[in-house]
Amino acid sequence: MKALVCILLLLETFVFVVQQQVDGGLNENEISQQISSEDGRQNPPKTDTLRAEASTDRQQYCDLGIPDIHAALRELTATVTEQKENIRELTTTVTEQKGNIRELTATVTEQKENIRALETQLREQQMFILEEMNKKDEEISNLTLSQVELRKENRDREIAFSASLMESGSGYIGPFTTEITLTYRNVFTNIGNAYNPITGIFTAPLKGAYMFRVSVYGHAGTAASVYIIKNGEKVVSAHDHQAQNPDALNSSNGVVLILEVGDVVYVRLWSGRRIYENQNIHNTFSGFLLFPLREQELCRM
């Protein structure tokens, strides 16, 4: 610090001298005289003594500051050397950190690639799952439609009926001089409404194989005989006759018929024959669809 003050004082004196030379071209004697005159005007008579003391102090101060300058320079050099070493260490550290950063950057880039690959794989899996779900939904929808159609088809196939002659009371039917169609008015079952209790006629709503059965009951003395008729043609009969035995007459028969849509089946009482009915319900007519037939199945049969 002392060295710096000394140097500043010397520089100040040097600048002053140079400035005076530039301004007036004064020589050293003139400068000294001017300084002396100015000191005489501004200071009391003791100025020379004070100037001498100040000059002596300044010289001593500067002399004392020179060793301080060398020490400061040595200290500064050591500091600079230390800072250079620190800079080298910092440079090495920075270089190492840059390498670490590059490694981290490469790792991050690799991880990003992995993440993108995983995202792509996840999207593909999601698309696959969605496609599978859509397929399952479509299969379920088709299955549901098939079930609905099957139920509807099964409902269409649910054809069956059963009926007896009289809804109430008792009595004979016949004999007649011609054959008559019997009307079984007491309906027990008529699934599909293919049987008409007013006319006594069953009309086939589907092509298929149908089972029909008829039973008759009568009293001795007059035969009890009926036919199952298909489209006006006799198919099978149920007949019983006992001229001498007073016991009741009983007979039944059945048949499986292949019917087209619109074919009719009914029961006729023979001419001259008689049947009897009461609350015990002896005379019945029934039928049902065994299974529907397609055209090719009918051809094989």
C-alpha atoms as a PDB file:
ATOM      1  CA  MET A   1       0.000   0.000   0.000  1.00  0.00           C
ATOM      2  CA  LYS A   2       2.847   2.381   0.876  1.00  0.00           C
ATOM      3  CA  ALA A   3       4.544   1.594  -2.383  1.00  0.00           C
ATOM      4  CA  LEU A   4       1.450   2.527  -4.315  1.00  0.00           C
ATOM      5  CA  VAL A   5       1.196   5.897  -2.509  1.00  0.00           C
ATOM      6  CA  CYS A   6       4.838   6.675  -3.276  1.00  0.00           C
ATOM      7  CA  ILE A   7       4.366   5.850  -6.903  1.00  0.00           C
ATOM      8  CA  LEU A   8       1.273   8.054  -7.096  1.00  0.00           C
ATOM      9  CA  LEU A   9       3.178  11.017  -5.578  1.00  0.00           C
ATOM     10  CA  LEU A  10       6.018  10.626  -8.053  1.00  0.00           C
ATOM     11  CA  LEU A  11       3.588  10.391 -10.936  1.00  0.00           C
ATOM     12  CA  GLU A  12       1.791  13.518  -9.757  1.00  0.00           C
ATOM     13  CA  THR A  13       5.073  15.493  -9.680  1.00  0.00           C
ATOM     14  CA  PHE A  14       6.045  14.187 -13.085  1.00  0.00           C
ATOM     15  CA  VAL A  15       2.739  15.134 -14.628  1.00  0.00           C
ATOM     16  CA  PHE A  16       2.948  18.611 -13.161  1.00  0.00           C
ATOM     17  CA  VAL A  17       6.405  19.195 -14.588  1.00  0.00           C
ATOM     18  CA  VAL A  18       5.437  17.958 -17.998  1.00  0.00           C
ATOM     19  CA  GLN A  19       2.330  20.120 -18.021  1.00  0.00           C
ATOM     20  CA  GLN A  20       4.353  23.215 -17.188  1.00  0.00           C
ATOM     21  CA  GLN A  21       6.852  22.479 -19.911  1.00  0.00           C
ATOM     22  CA  VAL A  22       4.074  22.116 -22.398  1.00  0.00           C
ATOM     23  CA  ASP A  23       2.306  25.277 -21.333  1.00  0.00           C
ATOM     24  CA  GLY A  24       5.210  27.663 -21.010  1.00  0.00           C
ATOM     25  CA  GLY A  25       8.330  25.838 -21.893  1.00  0.00           C
ATOM     26  CA  LEU A  26       9.802  26.476 -18.407  1.00  0.00           C
ATOM     27  CA  ASN A  27      13.189  25.090 -17.435  1.00  0.00           C
ATOM     28  CA  GLU A  28      14.076  23.611 -14.159  1.00  0.00           C
ATOM     29  CA  ASN A  29      15.337  26.886 -12.647  1.00  0.00           C
ATOM     30  CA  GLU A  30      12.193  28.689 -13.639  1.00  0.00           C
ATOM     31  CA  ILE A  31      10.112  25.884 -12.240  1.00  0.00           C
ATOM     32  CA  SER A  32      12.013  26.014  -8.981  1.00  0.00           C
ATOM     33  CA  GLN A  33      11.715  29.809  -8.831  1.00  0.00           C
ATOM     34  CA  GLN A  34       8.005  29.655  -9.582  1.00  0.00           C
ATOM     35  CA  ILE A  35       7.501  27.010  -6.936  1.00  0.00           C
ATOM     36  CA  SER A  36       9.490  29.138  -4.493  1.00  0.00           C
ATOM     37  CA  SER A  37       7.506  32.261  -5.308  1.00  0.00           C
ATOM     38  CA  GLU A  38       4.214  30.468  -5.020  1.00  0.00           C
ATOM     39  CA  ASP A  39       5.237  28.978  -1.732  1.00  0.00           C
ATOM     40  CA  GLY A  40       6.254  32.428  -0.540  1.00  0.00           C
ATOM     41  CA  ARG A  41       2.919  33.920  -1.421  1.00  0.00           C
ATOM     42  CA  GLN A  42       0.782  31.131  -0.051  1.00  0.00           C
ATOM     43  CA  ASN A  43       2.700  30.144   3.045  1.00  0.00           C
ATOM     44  CA  PRO A  44       4.222  31.981   5.963  1.00  0.00           C
ATOM     45  CA  PRO A  45       7.984  32.144   6.262  1.00  0.00           C
ATOM     46  CA  LYS A  46       8.131  28.683   7.696  1.00  0.00           C
ATOM     47  CA  THR A  47       7.006  27.115   4.353  1.00  0.00           C
ATOM     48  CA  ASP A  48      10.520  26.194   3.315  1.00  0.00           C
ATOM     49  CA  THR A  49      10.998  24.339   6.528  1.00  0.00           C
ATOM     50  CA  LEU A  50       7.726  22.460   6.054  1.00  0.00           C
ATOM     51  CA  ARG A  51       8.562  21.720   2.408  1.00  0.00           C
ATOM     52  CA  ALA A  52      11.902  20.355   3.414  1.00  0.00           C
ATOM     53  CA  GLU A  53      10.295  18.196   6.041  1.00  0.00           C
ATOM     54  CA  ALA A  54       7.681  16.994   3.559  1.00  0.00           C
ATOM     55  CA  SER A  55      10.339  16.255   0.974  1.00  0.00           C
ATOM     56  CA  THR A  56      12.312  14.356   3.574  1.00  0.00           C
ATOM     57  CA  ASP A  57       9.213  12.406   4.660  1.00  0.00           C
ATOM     58  CA  ARG A  58       8.325  11.730   1.060  1.00  0.00           C
ATOM     59  CA  GLN A  59      11.760  10.450   0.293  1.00  0.00           C
ATOM     60  CA  GLN A  60      11.778   8.312   3.368  1.00  0.00           C
ATOM     61  CA  TYR A  61       8.304   7.074   2.580  1.00  0.00           C
ATOM     62  CA  CYS A  62       9.251   6.138  -0.954  1.00  0.00           C
ATOM     63  CA  ASP A  63      12.469   4.551   0.254  1.00  0.00           C
ATOM     64  CA  LEU A  64      10.504   2.543   2.724  1.00  0.00           C
ATOM     65  CA  GLY A  65       7.941   1.619   0.012  1.00  0.00           C
ATOM     66  CA  ILE A  66      10.429   0.114  -2.441  1.00  0.00           C
ATOM     67  CA  PRO A  67      10.943  -3.092  -0.500  1.00  0.00           C
ATOM     68  CA  ASP A  68       7.168  -3.285  -0.055  1.00  0.00           C
ATOM     69  CA  ILE A  69       6.762  -3.138  -3.845  1.00  0.00           C
ATOM     70  CA  HIS A  70       9.068  -6.101  -4.365  1.00  0.00           C
ATOM     71  CA  ALA A  71       7.316  -8.064  -1.658  1.00  0.00           C
ATOM     72  CA  ALA A  72       3.951  -7.163  -3.188  1.00  0.00           C
ATOM     73  CA  LEU A  73       5.191  -8.244  -6.606  1.00  0.00           C
ATOM     74  CA  ARG A  74       6.454 -11.527  -5.212  1.00  0.00           C
ATOM     75  CA  GLU A  75       3.205 -12.045  -3.399  1.00  0.00           C
ATOM     76  CA  LEU A  76       1.275 -11.111  -6.526  1.00  0.00           C
ATOM     77  CA  THR A  77       3.392 -13.524  -8.602  1.00  0.00           C
ATOM     78  CA  ALA A  78       2.743 -16.310  -6.125  1.00  0.00           C
ATOM     79  CA  THR A  79      -0.919 -15.469  -6.185  1.00  0.00           C
ATOM     80  CA  VAL A  80      -0.965 -15.476  -9.983  1.00  0.00           C
ATOM     81  CA  THR A  81       0.865 -18.790 -10.043  1.00  0.00           C
ATOM     82  CA  GLU A  82      -1.611 -20.231  -7.573  1.00  0.00           C
ATOM     83  CA  GLN A  83      -4.501 -18.871  -9.596  1.00  0.00           C
ATOM     84  CA  LYS A  84      -3.030 -20.389 -12.750  1.00  0.00           C
ATOM     85  CA  GLU A  85      -2.844 -23.729 -10.982  1.00  0.00           C
ATOM     86  CA  ASN A  86      -6.390 -23.280  -9.815  1.00  0.00           C
ATOM     87  CA  ILE A  87      -7.384 -22.364 -13.366  1.00  0.00           C
ATOM     88  CA  ARG A  88      -5.671 -25.514 -14.684  1.00  0.00           C
ATOM     89  CA  GLU A  89      -7.484 -27.582 -12.084  1.00  0.00           C
ATOM     90  CA  LEU A  90     -10.734 -25.859 -12.950  1.00  0.00           C
ATOM     91  CA  THR A  91     -10.039 -26.421 -16.647  1.00  0.00           C
ATOM     92  CA  THR A  92      -9.418 -30.108 -15.960  1.00  0.00           C
ATOM     93  CA  THR A  93     -12.585 -30.258 -13.883  1.00  0.00           C
ATOM     94  CA  VAL A  94     -14.575 -28.448 -16.581  1.00  0.00           C
ATOM     95  CA  THR A  95     -13.203 -30.806 -19.231  1.00  0.00           C
ATOM     96  CA  GLU A  96     -14.148 -33.767 -17.079  1.00  0.00           C
ATOM     97  CA  GLN A  97     -17.592 -32.301 -16.464  1.00  0.00           C
ATOM     98  CA  LYS A  98     -17.994 -31.717 -20.194  1.00  0.00           C
ATOM     99  CA  GLY A  99     -17.177 -35.380 -20.741  1.00  0.00           C
ATOM    100  CA  ASN A 100     -19.717 -36.323 -18.099  1.00  0.00           C
ATOM    101  CA  ILE A 101     -22.247 -34.027 -19.707  1.00  0.00           C
ATOM    102  CA  ARG A 102     -21.616 -35.622 -23.090  1.00  0.00           C
ATOM    103  CA  GLU A 103     -22.058 -39.062 -21.538  1.00  0.00           C
ATOM    104  CA  LEU A 104     -25.238 -37.899 -19.819  1.00  0.00           C
ATOM    105  CA  THR A 105     -26.446 -36.355 -23.076  1.00  0.00           C
ATOM    106  CA  ALA A 106     -25.801 -39.631 -24.892  1.00  0.00           C
ATOM    107  CA  THR A 107     -27.582 -41.522 -22.114  1.00  0.00           C
ATOM    108  CA  VAL A 108     -30.538 -39.120 -22.220  1.00  0.00           C
ATOM    109  CA  THR A 109     -30.676 -39.435 -26.006  1.00  0.00           C
ATOM    110  CA  GLU A 110     -30.621 -43.230 -25.702  1.00  0.00           C
ATOM    111  CA  GLN A 111     -33.327 -43.099 -23.055  1.00  0.00           C
ATOM    112  CA  LYS A 112     -35.409 -40.837 -25.280  1.00  0.00           C
ATOM    113  CA  GLU A 113     -35.039 -43.348 -28.119  1.00  0.00           C
ATOM    114  CA  ASN A 114     -36.050 -46.128 -25.762  1.00  0.00           C
ATOM    115  CA  ILE A 115     -39.045 -44.092 -24.599  1.00  0.00           C
ATOM    116  CA  ARG A 116     -40.090 -43.422 -28.199  1.00  0.00           C
ATOM    117  CA  ALA A 117     -39.716 -47.118 -28.989  1.00  0.00           C
ATOM    118  CA  LEU A 118     -41.797 -47.997 -25.920  1.00  0.00           C
ATOM    119  CA  GLU A 119     -44.424 -45.417 -26.893  1.00  0.00           C
ATOM    120  CA  THR A 120     -44.564 -46.885 -30.389  1.00  0.00           C
ATOM    121  CA  GLN A 121     -44.864 -50.391 -28.970  1.00  0.00           C
ATOM    122  CA  LEU A 122     -47.548 -49.211 -26.549  1.00  0.00           C
ATOM    123  CA  ARG A 123     -49.515 -47.577 -29.374  1.00  0.00           C
ATOM    124  CA  GLU A 124     -49.246 -50.774 -31.423  1.00  0.00           C
ATOM    125  CA  GLN A 125     -50.440 -52.819 -28.456  1.00  0.00           C
ATOM    126  CA  GLN A 126     -53.294 -50.388 -27.877  1.00  0.00           C
ATOM    127  CA  MET A 127     -54.284 -50.605 -31.537  1.00  0.00           C
ATOM    128  CA  PHE A 128     -54.087 -54.399 -31.373  1.00  0.00           C
ATOM    129  CA  ILE A 129     -56.202 -54.449 -28.210  1.00  0.00           C
ATOM    130  CA  LEU A 130     -58.725 -52.077 -29.787  1.00  0.00           C
ATOM    131  CA  GLU A 131     -58.889 -54.219 -32.901  1.00  0.00           C
ATOM    132  CA  GLU A 132     -59.365 -57.346 -30.792  1.00  0.00           C
ATOM    133  CA  MET A 133     -62.030 -55.601 -28.729  1.00  0.00           C
ATOM    134  CA  ASN A 134     -63.779 -54.471 -31.902  1.00  0.00           C
ATOM    135  CA  LYS A 135     -63.617 -58.027 -33.206  1.00  0.00           C
ATOM    136  CA  LYS A 136     -65.008 -59.338 -29.942  1.00  0.00           C
ATOM    137  CA  ASP A 137     -67.726 -56.701 -29.974  1.00  0.00           C
ATOM    138  CA  GLU A 138     -68.551 -57.629 -33.549  1.00  0.00           C
ATOM    139  CA  GLU A 139     -68.587 -61.325 -32.650  1.00  0.00           C
ATOM    140  CA  ILE A 140     -70.788 -60.620 -29.644  1.00  0.00           C
ATOM    141  CA  SER A 141     -73.049 -58.471 -31.785  1.00  0.00           C
ATOM    142  CA  ASN A 142     -73.237 -61.171 -34.441  1.00  0.00           C
ATOM    143  CA  LEU A 143     -73.800 -63.796 -31.770  1.00  0.00           C
ATOM    144  CA  THR A 144     -76.527 -61.676 -30.255  1.00  0.00           C
ATOM    145  CA  LEU A 145     -78.137 -61.229 -33.660  1.00  0.00           C
ATOM    146  CA  SER A 146     -77.798 -64.952 -34.282  1.00  0.00           C
ATOM    147  CA  GLN A 147     -79.378 -65.699 -30.936  1.00  0.00           C
ATOM    148  CA  VAL A 148     -82.193 -63.282 -31.691  1.00  0.00           C
ATOM    149  CA  GLU A 149     -82.693 -64.838 -35.090  1.00  0.00           C
ATOM    150  CA  LEU A 150     -82.472 -68.322 -33.571  1.00  0.00           C
ATOM    151  CA  ARG A 151     -85.016 -67.426 -30.917  1.00  0.00           C
ATOM    152  CA  LYS A 152     -87.223 -65.934 -33.584  1.00  0.00           C
ATOM    153  CA  GLU A 153     -86.756 -69.015 -35.731  1.00  0.00           C
ATOM    154  CA  ASN A 154     -87.439 -71.234 -32.752  1.00  0.00           C
ATOM    155  CA  ARG A 155     -90.559 -69.255 -32.004  1.00  0.00           C
ATOM    156  CA  ASP A 156     -91.576 -69.754 -35.601  1.00  0.00           C
ATOM    157  CA  ARG A 157     -90.933 -73.458 -35.129  1.00  0.00           C
ATOM    158  CA  GLU A 158     -93.032 -73.635 -31.975  1.00  0.00           C
ATOM    159  CA  ILE A 159     -96.154 -75.119 -33.508  1.00  0.00           C
ATOM    160  CA  ALA A 160     -98.425 -77.410 -31.523  1.00  0.00           C
ATOM    161  CA  PHE A 161    -102.122 -77.826 -30.793  1.00  0.00           C
ATOM    162  CA  SER A 162    -104.494 -80.100 -28.894  1.00  0.00           C
ATOM    163  CA  ALA A 163    -108.305 -79.981 -28.691  1.00  0.00           C
ATOM    164  CA  SER A 164    -111.401 -81.999 -27.820  1.00  0.00           C
ATOM    165  CA  LEU A 165    -114.868 -82.017 -29.327  1.00  0.00           C
ATOM    166  CA  MET A 166    -117.070 -80.286 -26.736  1.00  0.00           C
ATOM    167  CA  GLU A 167    -116.368 -77.361 -24.433  1.00  0.00           C
ATOM    168  CA  SER A 168    -119.081 -78.628 -22.046  1.00  0.00           C
ATOM    169  CA  GLY A 169    -121.978 -81.115 -21.783  1.00  0.00           C
ATOM    170  CA  SER A 170    -122.262 -84.559 -23.358  1.00  0.00           C
ATOM    171  CA  GLY A 171    -123.946 -86.280 -26.313  1.00  0.00           C
ATOM    172  CA  TYR A 172    -123.652 -88.156 -29.581  1.00  0.00           C
ATOM    173  CA  ILE A 173    -122.296 -86.836 -32.850  1.00  0.00           C
ATOM    174  CA  GLY A 174    -123.690 -88.757 -35.827  1.00  0.00           C
ATOM    175  CA  PRO A 175    -124.587 -90.802 -37.586  1.00  0.00           C
ATOM    176  CA  PHE A 176    -124.752 -88.756 -40.786  1.00  0.00           C
ATOM    177  CA  THR A 177    -125.463 -89.805 -44.339  1.00  0.00           C
ATOM    178  CA  THR A 178    -122.271 -88.146 -45.580  1.00  0.00           C
ATOM    179  CA  GLU A 179    -118.813 -87.588 -44.132  1.00  0.00           C
ATOM    180  CA  ILE A 180    -118.459 -84.445 -42.041  1.00  0.00           C
ATOM    181  CA  THR A 181    -115.414 -82.521 -40.773  1.00  0.00           C
ATOM    182  CA  LEU A 182    -115.271 -82.610 -36.990  1.00  0.00           C
ATOM    183  CA  THR A 183    -114.653 -79.313 -35.214  1.00  0.00           C
ATOM    184  CA  TYR A 184    -112.727 -79.738 -31.988  1.00  0.00           C
ATOM    185  CA  ARG A 185    -113.827 -76.586 -30.168  1.00  0.00           C
ATOM    186  CA  ASN A 186    -112.362 -77.187 -26.713  1.00  0.00           C
ATOM    187  CA  VAL A 187    -108.785 -76.042 -27.351  1.00  0.00           C
ATOM    188  CA  PHE A 188    -106.151 -77.011 -24.779  1.00  0.00           C
ATOM    189  CA  THR A 189    -103.118 -75.758 -26.659  1.00  0.00           C
ATOM    190  CA  ASN A 190    -102.646 -73.771 -29.874  1.00  0.00           C
ATOM    191  CA  ILE A 191     -99.034 -72.592 -30.080  1.00  0.00           C
ATOM    192  CA  GLY A 192     -98.514 -70.763 -33.326  1.00  0.00           C
ATOM    193  CA  ASN A 193    -102.292 -70.485 -33.911  1.00  0.00           C
ATOM    194  CA  ALA A 194    -102.114 -72.909 -36.818  1.00  0.00           C
ATOM    195  CA  TYR A 195    -105.284 -74.736 -35.735  1.00  0.00           C
ATOM    196  CA  ASN A 196    -108.702 -73.132 -36.315  1.00  0.00           C
ATOM    197  CA  PRO A 197    -111.301 -74.318 -33.733  1.00  0.00           C
ATOM    198  CA  ILE A 198    -114.159 -72.911 -35.822  1.00  0.00           C
ATOM    199  CA  THR A 199    -113.390 -74.980 -38.919  1.00  0.00           C
ATOM    200  CA  GLY A 200    -111.469 -77.817 -37.230  1.00  0.00           C
ATOM    201  CA  ILE A 201    -108.652 -77.416 -39.798  1.00  0.00           C
ATOM    202  CA  PHE A 202    -104.894 -77.239 -39.136  1.00  0.00           C
ATOM    203  CA  THR A 203    -102.928 -75.205 -41.728  1.00  0.00           C
ATOM    204  CA  ALA A 204     -99.145 -75.722 -41.915  1.00  0.00           C
ATOM    205  CA  PRO A 205     -97.259 -72.408 -41.443  1.00  0.00           C
ATOM    206  CA  LEU A 206     -93.855 -74.021 -42.205  1.00  0.00           C
ATOM    207  CA  LYS A 207     -92.572 -76.745 -44.413  1.00  0.00           C
ATOM    208  CA  GLY A 208     -91.667 -79.647 -42.178  1.00  0.00           C
ATOM    209  CA  ALA A 209     -92.455 -82.954 -40.578  1.00  0.00           C
ATOM    210  CA  TYR A 210     -95.583 -82.921 -38.392  1.00  0.00           C
ATOM    211  CA  MET A 211     -97.005 -85.466 -36.008  1.00  0.00           C
ATOM    212  CA  PHE A 212    -100.830 -85.869 -35.777  1.00  0.00           C
ATOM    213  CA  ARG A 213    -102.931 -88.057 -33.518  1.00  0.00           C
ATOM    214  CA  VAL A 214    -106.666 -88.690 -33.179  1.00  0.00           C
ATOM    215  CA  SER A 215    -108.757 -90.692 -30.668  1.00  0.00           C
ATOM    216  CA  VAL A 216    -112.438 -91.719 -30.782  1.00  0.00           C
ATOM    217  CA  TYR A 217    -114.966 -93.012 -28.306  1.00  0.00           C
ATOM    218  CA  GLY A 218    -118.440 -94.512 -28.788  1.00  0.00           C
ATOM    219  CA  HIS A 219    -121.045 -96.972 -27.586  1.00  0.00           C
ATOM    220  CA  ALA A 220    -121.732-100.437 -28.900  1.00  0.00           C
ATOM    221  CA  GLY A 221    -124.328-100.906 -31.564  1.00  0.00           C
ATOM    222  CA  THR A 222    -122.907 -98.223 -33.933  1.00  0.00           C
ATOM    223  CA  ALA A 223    -119.293 -98.165 -35.094  1.00  0.00           C
ATOM    224  CA  ALA A 224    -117.054 -95.215 -34.162  1.00  0.00           C
ATOM    225  CA  SER A 225    -114.817 -94.366 -37.107  1.00  0.00           C
ATOM    226  CA  VAL A 226    -112.855 -91.242 -38.164  1.00  0.00           C
ATOM    227  CA  TYR A 227    -110.174 -90.400 -40.724  1.00  0.00           C
ATOM    228  CA  ILE A 228    -107.190 -88.030 -40.622  1.00  0.00           C
ATOM    229  CA  ILE A 229    -107.363 -86.103 -43.912  1.00  0.00           C
ATOM    230  CA  LYS A 230    -104.497 -84.263 -45.657  1.00  0.00           C
ATOM    231  CA  ASN A 231    -105.515 -81.866 -48.422  1.00  0.00           C
ATOM    232  CA  GLY A 232    -108.747 -83.852 -48.989  1.00  0.00           C
ATOM    233  CA  GLU A 233    -107.062 -87.280 -49.037  1.00  0.00           C
ATOM    234  CA  LYS A 234    -107.565 -89.931 -46.367  1.00  0.00           C
ATOM    235  CA  VAL A 235    -104.372 -90.842 -44.553  1.00  0.00           C
ATOM    236  CA  VAL A 236    -105.144 -93.005 -41.495  1.00  0.00           C
ATOM    237  CA  SER A 237    -108.251 -93.973 -39.547  1.00  0.00           C
ATOM    238  CA  ALA A 238    -109.295 -94.753 -35.991  1.00  0.00           C
ATOM    239  CA  HIS A 239    -112.129 -97.316 -35.948  1.00  0.00           C
ATOM    240  CA  ASP A 240    -113.905 -99.580 -33.492  1.00  0.00           C
ATOM    241  CA  HIS A 241    -117.117-101.660 -33.854  1.00  0.00           C
ATOM    242  CA  GLN A 242    -118.781-104.171 -31.488  1.00  0.00           C
ATOM    243  CA  ALA A 243    -122.256-105.134 -32.570  1.00  0.00           C
ATOM    244  CA  GLN A 244    -123.150-107.438 -29.662  1.00  0.00           C
ATOM    245  CA  ASN A 245    -120.970-106.148 -26.790  1.00  0.00           C
ATOM    246  CA  PRO A 246    -122.570-103.289 -24.885  1.00  0.00           C
ATOM    247  CA  ASP A 247    -119.191-101.990 -23.688  1.00  0.00           C
ATOM    248  CA  ALA A 248    -117.777 -98.686 -24.905  1.00  0.00           C
ATOM    249  CA  LEU A 249    -115.804 -98.384 -28.145  1.00  0.00           C
ATOM    250  CA  ASN A 250    -112.254 -96.911 -28.151  1.00  0.00           C
ATOM    251  CA  SER A 251    -109.732 -96.353 -30.904  1.00  0.00           C
ATOM    252  CA  SER A 252    -106.839 -94.051 -31.737  1.00  0.00           C
ATOM    253  CA  ASN A 253    -104.208 -93.597 -34.417  1.00  0.00           C
ATOM    254  CA  GLY A 254    -101.392 -91.259 -35.391  1.00  0.00           C
ATOM    255  CA  VAL A 255     -99.226 -90.330 -38.342  1.00  0.00           C
ATOM    256  CA  VAL A 256     -96.194 -88.199 -39.300  1.00  0.00           C
ATOM    257  CA  LEU A 257     -96.820 -86.092 -42.405  1.00  0.00           C
ATOM    258  CA  ILE A 258     -94.507 -83.976 -44.547  1.00  0.00           C
ATOM    259  CA  LEU A 259     -96.366 -80.725 -45.144  1.00  0.00           C
ATOM    260  CA  GLU A 260     -95.677 -77.776 -47.376  1.00  0.00           C
ATOM    261  CA  VAL A 261     -96.625 -74.320 -46.303  1.00  0.00           C
ATOM    262  CA  GLY A 262    -100.407 -74.021 -46.616  1.00  0.00           C
ATOM    263  CA  ASP A 263    -101.184 -77.741 -46.506  1.00  0.00           C
ATOM    264  CA  VAL A 264    -104.247 -78.581 -44.391  1.00  0.00           C
ATOM    265  CA  VAL A 265    -104.989 -81.480 -42.050  1.00  0.00           C
ATOM    266  CA  TYR A 266    -108.324 -82.256 -40.364  1.00  0.00           C
ATOM    267  CA  VAL A 267    -110.519 -85.120 -39.111  1.00  0.00           C
ATOM    268  CA  ARG A 268    -113.705 -86.467 -40.737  1.00  0.00           C
ATOM    269  CA  LEU A 269    -116.388 -88.702 -39.295  1.00  0.00           C
ATOM    270  CA  TRP A 270    -117.393 -91.577 -41.554  1.00  0.00           C
ATOM    271  CA  SER A 271    -120.921 -91.563 -42.892  1.00  0.00           C
ATOM    272  CA  GLY A 272    -123.230 -93.773 -40.807  1.00  0.00           C
ATOM    273  CA  ARG A 273    -120.814 -93.706 -37.851  1.00  0.00           C
ATOM    274  CA  ARG A 274    -121.361 -92.258 -34.397  1.00  0.00           C
ATOM    275  CA  ILE A 275    -119.134 -91.009 -31.551  1.00  0.00           C
ATOM    276  CA  TYR A 276    -119.982 -90.032 -28.016  1.00  0.00           C
ATOM    277  CA  GLU A 277    -118.512 -87.292 -25.834  1.00  0.00           C
ATOM    278  CA  ASN A 278    -119.001 -86.260 -22.203  1.00  0.00           C
ATOM    279  CA  GLN A 279    -117.152 -84.471 -19.422  1.00  0.00           C
ATOM    280  CA  ASN A 280    -114.462 -87.182 -19.415  1.00  0.00           C
ATOM    281  CA  ILE A 281    -113.178 -85.950 -22.829  1.00  0.00           C
ATOM    282  CA  HIS A 282    -112.619 -89.031 -24.996  1.00  0.00           C
ATOM    283  CA  ASN A 283    -112.419 -87.606 -28.520  1.00  0.00           C
ATOM    284  CA  THR A 284    -109.300 -85.560 -29.196  1.00  0.00           C
ATOM    285  CA  PHE A 285    -107.256 -84.239 -32.112  1.00  0.00           C
ATOM    286  CA  SER A 286    -103.680 -83.011 -31.718  1.00  0.00           C
ATOM    287  CA  GLY A 287    -100.571 -82.240 -33.735  1.00  0.00           C
ATOM    288  CA  PHE A 288     -97.171 -80.523 -33.567  1.00  0.00           C
ATOM    289  CA  LEU A 289     -94.129 -79.713 -35.671  1.00  0.00           C
ATOM    290  CA  LEU A 290     -91.363 -82.259 -35.276  1.00  0.00           C
ATOM    291  CA  PHE A 291     -88.806 -80.223 -37.228  1.00  0.00           C
ATOM    292  CA  PRO A 292     -88.824 -77.852 -40.194  1.00  0.00           C
ATOM    293  CA  LEU A 293     -87.461 -78.955 -43.555  1.00  0.00           C
ATOM    294  CA  ARG A 294     -85.451 -77.139 -46.175  1.00  0.00           C
ATOM    295  CA  GLU A 295     -85.822 -77.837 -49.864  1.00  0.00           C
ATOM    296  CA  GLN A 296     -82.721 -80.039 -50.134  1.00  0.00           C
ATOM    297  CA  GLU A 297     -83.716 -82.034 -47.061  1.00  0.00           C
ATOM    298  CA  LEU A 298     -87.109 -82.648 -48.556  1.00  0.00           C
ATOM    299  CA  CYS A 299     -85.490 -83.877 -51.787  1.00  0.00           C
ATOM    300  CA  ARG A 300     -83.385 -86.431 -49.887  1.00  0.00           C
ATOM    301  CA  MET A 301     -86.509 -87.769 -48.269  1.00  0.00           C
END
